[in-house]
Amino acid sequence: MFCPKCGSILLPKFDKKVMACSCGYTSKDKAIIHTVLKPDVEKKEGAIKEQESLPLTEAECSKCHHPHAYWWTKQTRAGDEPETRFFKCEQCKHTWREYK
């Protein structure tokens, strides 16, 4: 739905359950608002799947001295600087970074 005054998109106003615009227009029609709750299991499974998809390398953890860690890279500084490499211990989940 669009605002008849300014043409912007109407958004639901949760406190009054109507559609409203930033210009001040409020529709007289009741808005249908649905709330969807997802179980916590899906969030945990997503985190597990994400971790399993990371590559595993030989890097010793400074906390537990486990010889393997997951790794990924991210651009944390200026574009002309090298990427930062992050590691996460396979065993104790300790995270650290390596600058080049």
PDB file of N, CA and C in Angstrom:
ATOM      1  N   MET A   1       0.836  -1.178   0.000  1.00  0.00           N
ATOM      2  CA  MET A   1       0.000   0.000   0.000  1.00  0.00           C
ATOM      3  C   MET A   1       0.881   1.242   0.000  1.00  0.00           C
ATOM      4  N   PHE A   2       0.409   2.254  -0.717  1.00  0.00           N
ATOM      5  CA  PHE A   2       1.144   3.502  -0.826  1.00  0.00           C
ATOM      6  C   PHE A   2       0.319   4.656  -0.286  1.00  0.00           C
ATOM      7  N   CYS A   3       1.000   5.669   0.203  1.00  0.00           N
ATOM      8  CA  CYS A   3       0.366   6.853   0.772  1.00  0.00           C
ATOM      9  C   CYS A   3      -0.294   7.665  -0.349  1.00  0.00           C
ATOM     10  N   PRO A   4      -1.586   8.023  -0.195  1.00  0.00           N
ATOM     11  CA  PRO A   4      -2.245   8.822  -1.220  1.00  0.00           C
ATOM     12  C   PRO A   4      -1.768  10.278  -1.222  1.00  0.00           C
ATOM     13  N   LYS A   5      -1.144  10.724  -0.118  1.00  0.00           N
ATOM     14  CA  LYS A   5      -0.677  12.114  -0.038  1.00  0.00           C
ATOM     15  C   LYS A   5       0.683  12.311  -0.717  1.00  0.00           C
ATOM     16  N   CYS A   6       1.665  11.441  -0.348  1.00  0.00           N
ATOM     17  CA  CYS A   6       3.032  11.661  -0.849  1.00  0.00           C
ATOM     18  C   CYS A   6       3.562  10.518  -1.720  1.00  0.00           C
ATOM     19  N   GLY A   7       2.888   9.372  -1.754  1.00  0.00           N
ATOM     20  CA  GLY A   7       3.305   8.264  -2.603  1.00  0.00           C
ATOM     21  C   GLY A   7       4.294   7.304  -1.956  1.00  0.00           C
ATOM     22  N   SER A   8       4.691   7.559  -0.709  1.00  0.00           N
ATOM     23  CA  SER A   8       5.615   6.664  -0.004  1.00  0.00           C
ATOM     24  C   SER A   8       4.903   5.383   0.395  1.00  0.00           C
ATOM     25  N   ILE A   9       5.695   4.391   0.733  1.00  0.00           N
ATOM     26  CA  ILE A   9       5.132   3.117   1.159  1.00  0.00           C
ATOM     27  C   ILE A   9       4.589   3.241   2.584  1.00  0.00           C
ATOM     28  N   LEU A  10       3.434   2.637   2.841  1.00  0.00           N
ATOM     29  CA  LEU A  10       2.845   2.648   4.183  1.00  0.00           C
ATOM     30  C   LEU A  10       3.431   1.508   4.999  1.00  0.00           C
ATOM     31  N   LEU A  11       3.790   1.805   6.231  1.00  0.00           N
ATOM     32  CA  LEU A  11       4.364   0.805   7.137  1.00  0.00           C
ATOM     33  C   LEU A  11       3.416   0.565   8.297  1.00  0.00           C
ATOM     34  N   PRO A  12       3.420  -0.650   8.861  1.00  0.00           N
ATOM     35  CA  PRO A  12       2.524  -0.919   9.984  1.00  0.00           C
ATOM     36  C   PRO A  12       2.960  -0.149  11.230  1.00  0.00           C
ATOM     37  N   LYS A  13       1.987   0.390  11.926  1.00  0.00           N
ATOM     38  CA  LYS A  13       2.210   1.045  13.212  1.00  0.00           C
ATOM     39  C   LYS A  13       1.697   0.070  14.261  1.00  0.00           C
ATOM     40  N   PHE A  14       2.617  -0.548  15.002  1.00  0.00           N
ATOM     41  CA  PHE A  14       2.259  -1.668  15.866  1.00  0.00           C
ATOM     42  C   PHE A  14       1.405  -1.256  17.062  1.00  0.00           C
ATOM     43  N   ASP A  15       1.589  -0.060  17.575  1.00  0.00           N
ATOM     44  CA  ASP A  15       0.824   0.330  18.758  1.00  0.00           C
ATOM     45  C   ASP A  15      -0.657   0.530  18.455  1.00  0.00           C
ATOM     46  N   LYS A  16      -1.006   0.934  17.218  1.00  0.00           N
ATOM     47  CA  LYS A  16      -2.406   1.174  16.858  1.00  0.00           C
ATOM     48  C   LYS A  16      -2.933   0.160  15.841  1.00  0.00           C
ATOM     49  N   LYS A  17      -2.070  -0.705  15.331  1.00  0.00           N
ATOM     50  CA  LYS A  17      -2.423  -1.726  14.347  1.00  0.00           C
ATOM     51  C   LYS A  17      -3.064  -1.129  13.099  1.00  0.00           C
ATOM     52  N   VAL A  18      -2.454  -0.050  12.608  1.00  0.00           N
ATOM     53  CA  VAL A  18      -2.885   0.578  11.355  1.00  0.00           C
ATOM     54  C   VAL A  18      -1.648   0.782  10.494  1.00  0.00           C
ATOM     55  N   MET A  19      -1.877   1.180   9.247  1.00  0.00           N
ATOM     56  CA  MET A  19      -0.780   1.498   8.343  1.00  0.00           C
ATOM     57  C   MET A  19      -0.577   3.011   8.376  1.00  0.00           C
ATOM     58  N   ALA A  20       0.713   3.444   8.444  1.00  0.00           N
ATOM     59  CA  ALA A  20       1.005   4.871   8.544  1.00  0.00           C
ATOM     60  C   ALA A  20       2.173   5.239   7.645  1.00  0.00           C
ATOM     61  N   CYS A  21       2.259   6.531   7.332  1.00  0.00           N
ATOM     62  CA  CYS A  21       3.314   7.064   6.489  1.00  0.00           C
ATOM     63  C   CYS A  21       4.152   8.048   7.301  1.00  0.00           C
ATOM     64  N   SER A  22       5.368   8.312   6.833  1.00  0.00           N
ATOM     65  CA  SER A  22       6.244   9.258   7.525  1.00  0.00           C
ATOM     66  C   SER A  22       5.748  10.702   7.398  1.00  0.00           C
ATOM     67  N   CYS A  23       4.882  10.980   6.436  1.00  0.00           N
ATOM     68  CA  CYS A  23       4.351  12.328   6.273  1.00  0.00           C
ATOM     69  C   CYS A  23       3.226  12.629   7.256  1.00  0.00           C
ATOM     70  N   GLY A  24       2.766  11.614   7.988  1.00  0.00           N
ATOM     71  CA  GLY A  24       1.708  11.818   8.975  1.00  0.00           C
ATOM     72  C   GLY A  24       0.388  11.159   8.612  1.00  0.00           C
ATOM     73  N   TYR A  25       0.238  10.707   7.375  1.00  0.00           N
ATOM     74  CA  TYR A  25      -1.006  10.059   6.951  1.00  0.00           C
ATOM     75  C   TYR A  25      -1.156   8.706   7.644  1.00  0.00           C
ATOM     76  N   THR A  26      -2.368   8.394   8.110  1.00  0.00           N
ATOM     77  CA  THR A  26      -2.682   7.098   8.717  1.00  0.00           C
ATOM     78  C   THR A  26      -3.903   6.534   8.013  1.00  0.00           C
ATOM     79  N   SER A  27      -3.837   5.292   7.576  1.00  0.00           N
ATOM     80  CA  SER A  27      -4.972   4.678   6.887  1.00  0.00           C
ATOM     81  C   SER A  27      -6.038   4.298   7.907  1.00  0.00           C
ATOM     82  N   LYS A  28      -7.273   4.253   7.443  1.00  0.00           N
ATOM     83  CA  LYS A  28      -8.376   3.885   8.322  1.00  0.00           C
ATOM     84  C   LYS A  28      -8.565   2.376   8.360  1.00  0.00           C
ATOM     85  N   ASP A  29      -7.924   1.663   7.420  1.00  0.00           N
ATOM     86  CA  ASP A  29      -8.015   0.202   7.384  1.00  0.00           C
ATOM     87  C   ASP A  29      -7.133  -0.382   8.478  1.00  0.00           C
ATOM     88  N   LYS A  30      -7.602  -1.449   9.075  1.00  0.00           N
ATOM     89  CA  LYS A  30      -6.799  -2.144  10.088  1.00  0.00           C
ATOM     90  C   LYS A  30      -5.695  -2.925   9.400  1.00  0.00           C
ATOM     91  N   ALA A  31      -4.518  -2.851   9.941  1.00  0.00           N
ATOM     92  CA  ALA A  31      -3.380  -3.598   9.393  1.00  0.00           C
ATOM     93  C   ALA A  31      -3.377  -4.999   9.972  1.00  0.00           C
ATOM     94  N   ILE A  32      -3.018  -5.937   9.158  1.00  0.00           N
ATOM     95  CA  ILE A  32      -2.891  -7.318   9.628  1.00  0.00           C
ATOM     96  C   ILE A  32      -1.421  -7.545   9.936  1.00  0.00           C
ATOM     97  N   ILE A  33      -1.129  -7.782  11.197  1.00  0.00           N
ATOM     98  CA  ILE A  33       0.249  -7.940  11.639  1.00  0.00           C
ATOM     99  C   ILE A  33       0.433  -9.357  12.158  1.00  0.00           C
ATOM    100  N   HIS A  34       1.395 -10.069  11.587  1.00  0.00           N
ATOM    101  CA  HIS A  34       1.706 -11.426  12.005  1.00  0.00           C
ATOM    102  C   HIS A  34       3.064 -11.441  12.681  1.00  0.00           C
ATOM    103  N   THR A  35       3.154 -12.162  13.770  1.00  0.00           N
ATOM    104  CA  THR A  35       4.432 -12.344  14.438  1.00  0.00           C
ATOM    105  C   THR A  35       4.799 -13.809  14.342  1.00  0.00           C
ATOM    106  N   VAL A  36       5.993 -14.069  13.836  1.00  0.00           N
ATOM    107  CA  VAL A  36       6.452 -15.440  13.677  1.00  0.00           C
ATOM    108  C   VAL A  36       7.612 -15.668  14.647  1.00  0.00           C
ATOM    109  N   LEU A  37       7.456 -16.659  15.491  1.00  0.00           N
ATOM    110  CA  LEU A  37       8.509 -17.008  16.433  1.00  0.00           C
ATOM    111  C   LEU A  37       9.203 -18.268  15.956  1.00  0.00           C
ATOM    112  N   LYS A  38      10.522 -18.222  15.909  1.00  0.00           N
ATOM    113  CA  LYS A  38      11.296 -19.386  15.497  1.00  0.00           C
ATOM    114  C   LYS A  38      11.927 -20.010  16.730  1.00  0.00           C
ATOM    115  N   PRO A  39      11.946 -21.318  16.797  1.00  0.00           N
ATOM    116  CA  PRO A  39      12.571 -21.963  17.950  1.00  0.00           C
ATOM    117  C   PRO A  39      14.078 -21.724  17.979  1.00  0.00           C
ATOM    118  N   ASP A  40      14.660 -21.781  19.171  1.00  0.00           N
ATOM    119  CA  ASP A  40      16.092 -21.569  19.356  1.00  0.00           C
ATOM    120  C   ASP A  40      16.929 -22.633  18.666  1.00  0.00           C
ATOM    121  N   VAL A  41      16.349 -23.789  18.393  1.00  0.00           N
ATOM    122  CA  VAL A  41      17.088 -24.884  17.777  1.00  0.00           C
ATOM    123  C   VAL A  41      17.631 -24.465  16.413  1.00  0.00           C
ATOM    124  N   GLU A  42      16.833 -23.723  15.647  1.00  0.00           N
ATOM    125  CA  GLU A  42      17.271 -23.297  14.318  1.00  0.00           C
ATOM    126  C   GLU A  42      18.493 -22.397  14.408  1.00  0.00           C
ATOM    127  N   LYS A  43      18.543 -21.513  15.398  1.00  0.00           N
ATOM    128  CA  LYS A  43      19.688 -20.621  15.569  1.00  0.00           C
ATOM    129  C   LYS A  43      20.944 -21.423  15.881  1.00  0.00           C
ATOM    130  N   LYS A  44      20.828 -22.413  16.752  1.00  0.00           N
ATOM    131  CA  LYS A  44      21.982 -23.218  17.124  1.00  0.00           C
ATOM    132  C   LYS A  44      22.469 -24.051  15.948  1.00  0.00           C
ATOM    133  N   GLU A  45      21.542 -24.612  15.181  1.00  0.00           N
ATOM    134  CA  GLU A  45      21.931 -25.412  14.020  1.00  0.00           C
ATOM    135  C   GLU A  45      22.634 -24.548  12.984  1.00  0.00           C
ATOM    136  N   GLY A  46      22.177 -23.303  12.798  1.00  0.00           N
ATOM    137  CA  GLY A  46      22.811 -22.398  11.853  1.00  0.00           C
ATOM    138  C   GLY A  46      24.241 -22.091  12.240  1.00  0.00           C
ATOM    139  N   ALA A  47      24.486 -21.905  13.537  1.00  0.00           N
ATOM    140  CA  ALA A  47      25.845 -21.630  14.009  1.00  0.00           C
ATOM    141  C   ALA A  47      26.740 -22.844  13.807  1.00  0.00           C
ATOM    142  N   ILE A  48      26.209 -24.026  14.044  1.00  0.00           N
ATOM    143  CA  ILE A  48      26.991 -25.255  13.869  1.00  0.00           C
ATOM    144  C   ILE A  48      27.326 -25.443  12.393  1.00  0.00           C
ATOM    145  N   LYS A  49      26.348 -25.244  11.518  1.00  0.00           N
ATOM    146  CA  LYS A  49      26.580 -25.407  10.082  1.00  0.00           C
ATOM    147  C   LYS A  49      27.600 -24.395   9.586  1.00  0.00           C
ATOM    148  N   GLU A  50      27.529 -23.160  10.085  1.00  0.00           N
ATOM    149  CA  GLU A  50      28.477 -22.130   9.668  1.00  0.00           C
ATOM    150  C   GLU A  50      29.895 -22.513  10.055  1.00  0.00           C
ATOM    151  N   GLN A  51      30.071 -23.018  11.267  1.00  0.00           N
ATOM    152  CA  GLN A  51      31.399 -23.383  11.735  1.00  0.00           C
ATOM    153  C   GLN A  51      31.950 -24.578  10.952  1.00  0.00           C
ATOM    154  N   GLU A  52      31.102 -25.542  10.640  1.00  0.00           N
ATOM    155  CA  GLU A  52      31.548 -26.707   9.897  1.00  0.00           C
ATOM    156  C   GLU A  52      31.947 -26.354   8.472  1.00  0.00           C
ATOM    157  N   SER A  53      31.433 -25.265   7.936  1.00  0.00           N
ATOM    158  CA  SER A  53      31.766 -24.894   6.568  1.00  0.00           C
ATOM    159  C   SER A  53      33.094 -24.145   6.473  1.00  0.00           C
ATOM    160  N   LEU A  54      33.667 -23.723   7.598  1.00  0.00           N
ATOM    161  CA  LEU A  54      34.953 -23.034   7.590  1.00  0.00           C
ATOM    162  C   LEU A  54      36.079 -24.035   7.385  1.00  0.00           C
ATOM    163  N   PRO A  55      37.137 -23.623   6.694  1.00  0.00           N
ATOM    164  CA  PRO A  55      38.276 -24.527   6.496  1.00  0.00           C
ATOM    165  C   PRO A  55      39.059 -24.735   7.795  1.00  0.00           C
ATOM    166  N   LEU A  56      39.650 -25.895   7.929  1.00  0.00           N
ATOM    167  CA  LEU A  56      40.432 -26.269   9.113  1.00  0.00           C
ATOM    168  C   LEU A  56      41.906 -26.278   8.732  1.00  0.00           C
ATOM    169  N   THR A  57      42.738 -25.722   9.604  1.00  0.00           N
ATOM    170  CA  THR A  57      44.163 -25.664   9.327  1.00  0.00           C
ATOM    171  C   THR A  57      44.962 -26.040  10.573  1.00  0.00           C
ATOM    172  N   GLU A  58      46.258 -26.214  10.398  1.00  0.00           N
ATOM    173  CA  GLU A  58      47.124 -26.501  11.531  1.00  0.00           C
ATOM    174  C   GLU A  58      47.598 -25.177  12.120  1.00  0.00           C
ATOM    175  N   ALA A  59      47.044 -24.826  13.269  1.00  0.00           N
ATOM    176  CA  ALA A  59      47.422 -23.608  13.991  1.00  0.00           C
ATOM    177  C   ALA A  59      47.233 -23.905  15.468  1.00  0.00           C
ATOM    178  N   GLU A  60      48.267 -23.701  16.266  1.00  0.00           N
ATOM    179  CA  GLU A  60      48.204 -24.057  17.684  1.00  0.00           C
ATOM    180  C   GLU A  60      47.491 -22.974  18.484  1.00  0.00           C
ATOM    181  N   CYS A  61      46.520 -23.397  19.283  1.00  0.00           N
ATOM    182  CA  CYS A  61      45.766 -22.503  20.153  1.00  0.00           C
ATOM    183  C   CYS A  61      46.654 -22.092  21.332  1.00  0.00           C
ATOM    184  N   SER A  62      46.657 -20.812  21.660  1.00  0.00           N
ATOM    185  CA  SER A  62      47.479 -20.326  22.767  1.00  0.00           C
ATOM    186  C   SER A  62      46.890 -20.684  24.132  1.00  0.00           C
ATOM    187  N   LYS A  63      45.613 -21.043  24.185  1.00  0.00           N
ATOM    188  CA  LYS A  63      44.985 -21.396  25.465  1.00  0.00           C
ATOM    189  C   LYS A  63      45.102 -22.882  25.791  1.00  0.00           C
ATOM    190  N   CYS A  64      44.651 -23.731  24.861  1.00  0.00           N
ATOM    191  CA  CYS A  64      44.617 -25.172  25.167  1.00  0.00           C
ATOM    192  C   CYS A  64      45.681 -25.958  24.394  1.00  0.00           C
ATOM    193  N   HIS A  65      46.424 -25.307  23.503  1.00  0.00           N
ATOM    194  CA  HIS A  65      47.493 -25.917  22.699  1.00  0.00           C
ATOM    195  C   HIS A  65      46.999 -27.013  21.748  1.00  0.00           C
ATOM    196  N   HIS A  66      45.722 -26.942  21.386  1.00  0.00           N
ATOM    197  CA  HIS A  66      45.165 -27.859  20.386  1.00  0.00           C
ATOM    198  C   HIS A  66      45.773 -27.494  19.029  1.00  0.00           C
ATOM    199  N   PRO A  67      46.161 -28.476  18.205  1.00  0.00           N
ATOM    200  CA  PRO A  67      46.898 -28.174  16.973  1.00  0.00           C
ATOM    201  C   PRO A  67      46.053 -27.740  15.766  1.00  0.00           C
ATOM    202  N   HIS A  68      44.715 -27.735  15.860  1.00  0.00           N
ATOM    203  CA  HIS A  68      43.872 -27.414  14.702  1.00  0.00           C
ATOM    204  C   HIS A  68      42.916 -26.277  15.027  1.00  0.00           C
ATOM    205  N   ALA A  69      42.666 -25.431  14.008  1.00  0.00           N
ATOM    206  CA  ALA A  69      41.748 -24.302  14.175  1.00  0.00           C
ATOM    207  C   ALA A  69      41.046 -24.011  12.858  1.00  0.00           C
ATOM    208  N   TYR A  70      39.821 -23.489  12.956  1.00  0.00           N
ATOM    209  CA  TYR A  70      39.101 -22.997  11.786  1.00  0.00           C
ATOM    210  C   TYR A  70      39.670 -21.625  11.464  1.00  0.00           C
ATOM    211  N   TRP A  71      39.613 -21.206  10.208  1.00  0.00           N
ATOM    212  CA  TRP A  71      40.126 -19.893   9.853  1.00  0.00           C
ATOM    213  C   TRP A  71      39.271 -19.228   8.788  1.00  0.00           C
ATOM    214  N   TRP A  72      39.314 -17.874   8.783  1.00  0.00           N
ATOM    215  CA  TRP A  72      38.652 -17.065   7.785  1.00  0.00           C
ATOM    216  C   TRP A  72      39.371 -15.726   7.714  1.00  0.00           C
ATOM    217  N   THR A  73      39.144 -14.985   6.633  1.00  0.00           N
ATOM    218  CA  THR A  73      39.784 -13.683   6.475  1.00  0.00           C
ATOM    219  C   THR A  73      38.726 -12.594   6.389  1.00  0.00           C
ATOM    220  N   LYS A  74      39.128 -11.379   6.785  1.00  0.00           N
ATOM    221  CA  LYS A  74      38.227 -10.236   6.730  1.00  0.00           C
ATOM    222  C   LYS A  74      39.056  -8.973   6.533  1.00  0.00           C
ATOM    223  N   GLN A  75      38.546  -8.062   5.737  1.00  0.00           N
ATOM    224  CA  GLN A  75      39.225  -6.788   5.515  1.00  0.00           C
ATOM    225  C   GLN A  75      38.881  -5.866   6.677  1.00  0.00           C
ATOM    226  N   THR A  76      39.799  -5.677   7.621  1.00  0.00           N
ATOM    227  CA  THR A  76      39.534  -4.869   8.812  1.00  0.00           C
ATOM    228  C   THR A  76      40.171  -3.490   8.743  1.00  0.00           C
ATOM    229  N   ARG A  77      41.089  -3.293   7.825  1.00  0.00           N
ATOM    230  CA  ARG A  77      41.769  -2.002   7.694  1.00  0.00           C
ATOM    231  C   ARG A  77      41.505  -1.427   6.310  1.00  0.00           C
ATOM    232  N   ALA A  78      42.293  -0.478   5.894  1.00  0.00           N
ATOM    233  CA  ALA A  78      42.092   0.168   4.589  1.00  0.00           C
ATOM    234  C   ALA A  78      42.203  -0.855   3.461  1.00  0.00           C
ATOM    235  N   GLY A  79      41.630  -0.515   2.319  1.00  0.00           N
ATOM    236  CA  GLY A  79      41.609  -1.422   1.180  1.00  0.00           C
ATOM    237  C   GLY A  79      42.976  -1.785   0.640  1.00  0.00           C
ATOM    238  N   ASP A  80      43.967  -0.909   0.830  1.00  0.00           N
ATOM    239  CA  ASP A  80      45.304  -1.209   0.323  1.00  0.00           C
ATOM    240  C   ASP A  80      46.141  -2.017   1.322  1.00  0.00           C
ATOM    241  N   GLU A  81      45.584  -2.311   2.486  1.00  0.00           N
ATOM    242  CA  GLU A  81      46.255  -3.138   3.501  1.00  0.00           C
ATOM    243  C   GLU A  81      45.854  -4.603   3.303  1.00  0.00           C
ATOM    244  N   PRO A  82      46.686  -5.546   3.734  1.00  0.00           N
ATOM    245  CA  PRO A  82      46.302  -6.958   3.607  1.00  0.00           C
ATOM    246  C   PRO A  82      45.150  -7.321   4.561  1.00  0.00           C
ATOM    247  N   GLU A  83      44.468  -8.405   4.225  1.00  0.00           N
ATOM    248  CA  GLU A  83      43.363  -8.878   5.061  1.00  0.00           C
ATOM    249  C   GLU A  83      43.875  -9.390   6.399  1.00  0.00           C
ATOM    250  N   THR A  84      42.997  -9.407   7.401  1.00  0.00           N
ATOM    251  CA  THR A  84      43.318  -9.981   8.700  1.00  0.00           C
ATOM    252  C   THR A  84      42.821 -11.417   8.699  1.00  0.00           C
ATOM    253  N   ARG A  85      43.630 -12.332   9.168  1.00  0.00           N
ATOM    254  CA  ARG A  85      43.245 -13.738   9.221  1.00  0.00           C
ATOM    255  C   ARG A  85      42.823 -14.064  10.646  1.00  0.00           C
ATOM    256  N   PHE A  86      41.619 -14.627  10.809  1.00  0.00           N
ATOM    257  CA  PHE A  86      41.079 -15.009  12.100  1.00  0.00           C
ATOM    258  C   PHE A  86      41.134 -16.520  12.247  1.00  0.00           C
ATOM    259  N   PHE A  87      41.371 -16.975  13.470  1.00  0.00           N
ATOM    260  CA  PHE A  87      41.393 -18.399  13.793  1.00  0.00           C
ATOM    261  C   PHE A  87      40.445 -18.658  14.954  1.00  0.00           C
ATOM    262  N   LYS A  88      39.836 -19.849  14.960  1.00  0.00           N
ATOM    263  CA  LYS A  88      38.980 -20.279  16.071  1.00  0.00           C
ATOM    264  C   LYS A  88      39.333 -21.718  16.390  1.00  0.00           C
ATOM    265  N   CYS A  89      39.766 -21.947  17.620  1.00  0.00           N
ATOM    266  CA  CYS A  89      40.210 -23.273  18.043  1.00  0.00           C
ATOM    267  C   CYS A  89      39.086 -24.290  17.878  1.00  0.00           C
ATOM    268  N   GLU A  90      39.429 -25.417  17.335  1.00  0.00           N
ATOM    269  CA  GLU A  90      38.450 -26.488  17.116  1.00  0.00           C
ATOM    270  C   GLU A  90      37.949 -27.047  18.440  1.00  0.00           C
ATOM    271  N   GLN A  91      38.799 -27.055  19.456  1.00  0.00           N
ATOM    272  CA  GLN A  91      38.453 -27.679  20.728  1.00  0.00           C
ATOM    273  C   GLN A  91      37.812 -26.704  21.722  1.00  0.00           C
ATOM    274  N   CYS A  92      38.506 -25.617  22.081  1.00  0.00           N
ATOM    275  CA  CYS A  92      38.013 -24.725  23.141  1.00  0.00           C
ATOM    276  C   CYS A  92      37.284 -23.489  22.613  1.00  0.00           C
ATOM    277  N   LYS A  93      37.239 -23.297  21.290  1.00  0.00           N
ATOM    278  CA  LYS A  93      36.542 -22.187  20.618  1.00  0.00           C
ATOM    279  C   LYS A  93      37.176 -20.820  20.870  1.00  0.00           C
ATOM    280  N   HIS A  94      38.408 -20.772  21.347  1.00  0.00           N
ATOM    281  CA  HIS A  94      39.143 -19.517  21.535  1.00  0.00           C
ATOM    282  C   HIS A  94      39.417 -18.899  20.163  1.00  0.00           C
ATOM    283  N   THR A  95      39.194 -17.583  20.023  1.00  0.00           N
ATOM    284  CA  THR A  95      39.389 -16.892  18.752  1.00  0.00           C
ATOM    285  C   THR A  95      40.556 -15.918  18.863  1.00  0.00           C
ATOM    286  N   TRP A  96      41.411 -15.907  17.817  1.00  0.00           N
ATOM    287  CA  TRP A  96      42.506 -14.951  17.765  1.00  0.00           C
ATOM    288  C   TRP A  96      42.723 -14.532  16.331  1.00  0.00           C
ATOM    289  N   ARG A  97      43.532 -13.492  16.138  1.00  0.00           N
ATOM    290  CA  ARG A  97      43.762 -12.965  14.791  1.00  0.00           C
ATOM    291  C   ARG A  97      45.238 -12.894  14.474  1.00  0.00           C
ATOM    292  N   GLU A  98      45.518 -12.864  13.183  1.00  0.00           N
ATOM    293  CA  GLU A  98      46.887 -12.775  12.712  1.00  0.00           C
ATOM    294  C   GLU A  98      46.955 -11.673  11.658  1.00  0.00           C
ATOM    295  N   TYR A  99      47.824 -10.689  11.896  1.00  0.00           N
ATOM    296  CA  TYR A  99      48.037  -9.617  10.925  1.00  0.00           C
ATOM    297  C   TYR A  99      49.237  -9.975  10.063  1.00  0.00           C
ATOM    298  N   LYS A 100      49.212  -9.591   8.817  1.00  0.00           N
ATOM    299  CA  LYS A 100      50.341  -9.853   7.925  1.00  0.00           C
ATOM    300  C   LYS A 100      51.038  -8.569   7.606  1.00  0.00           C
TER     301      LYS A 100
END
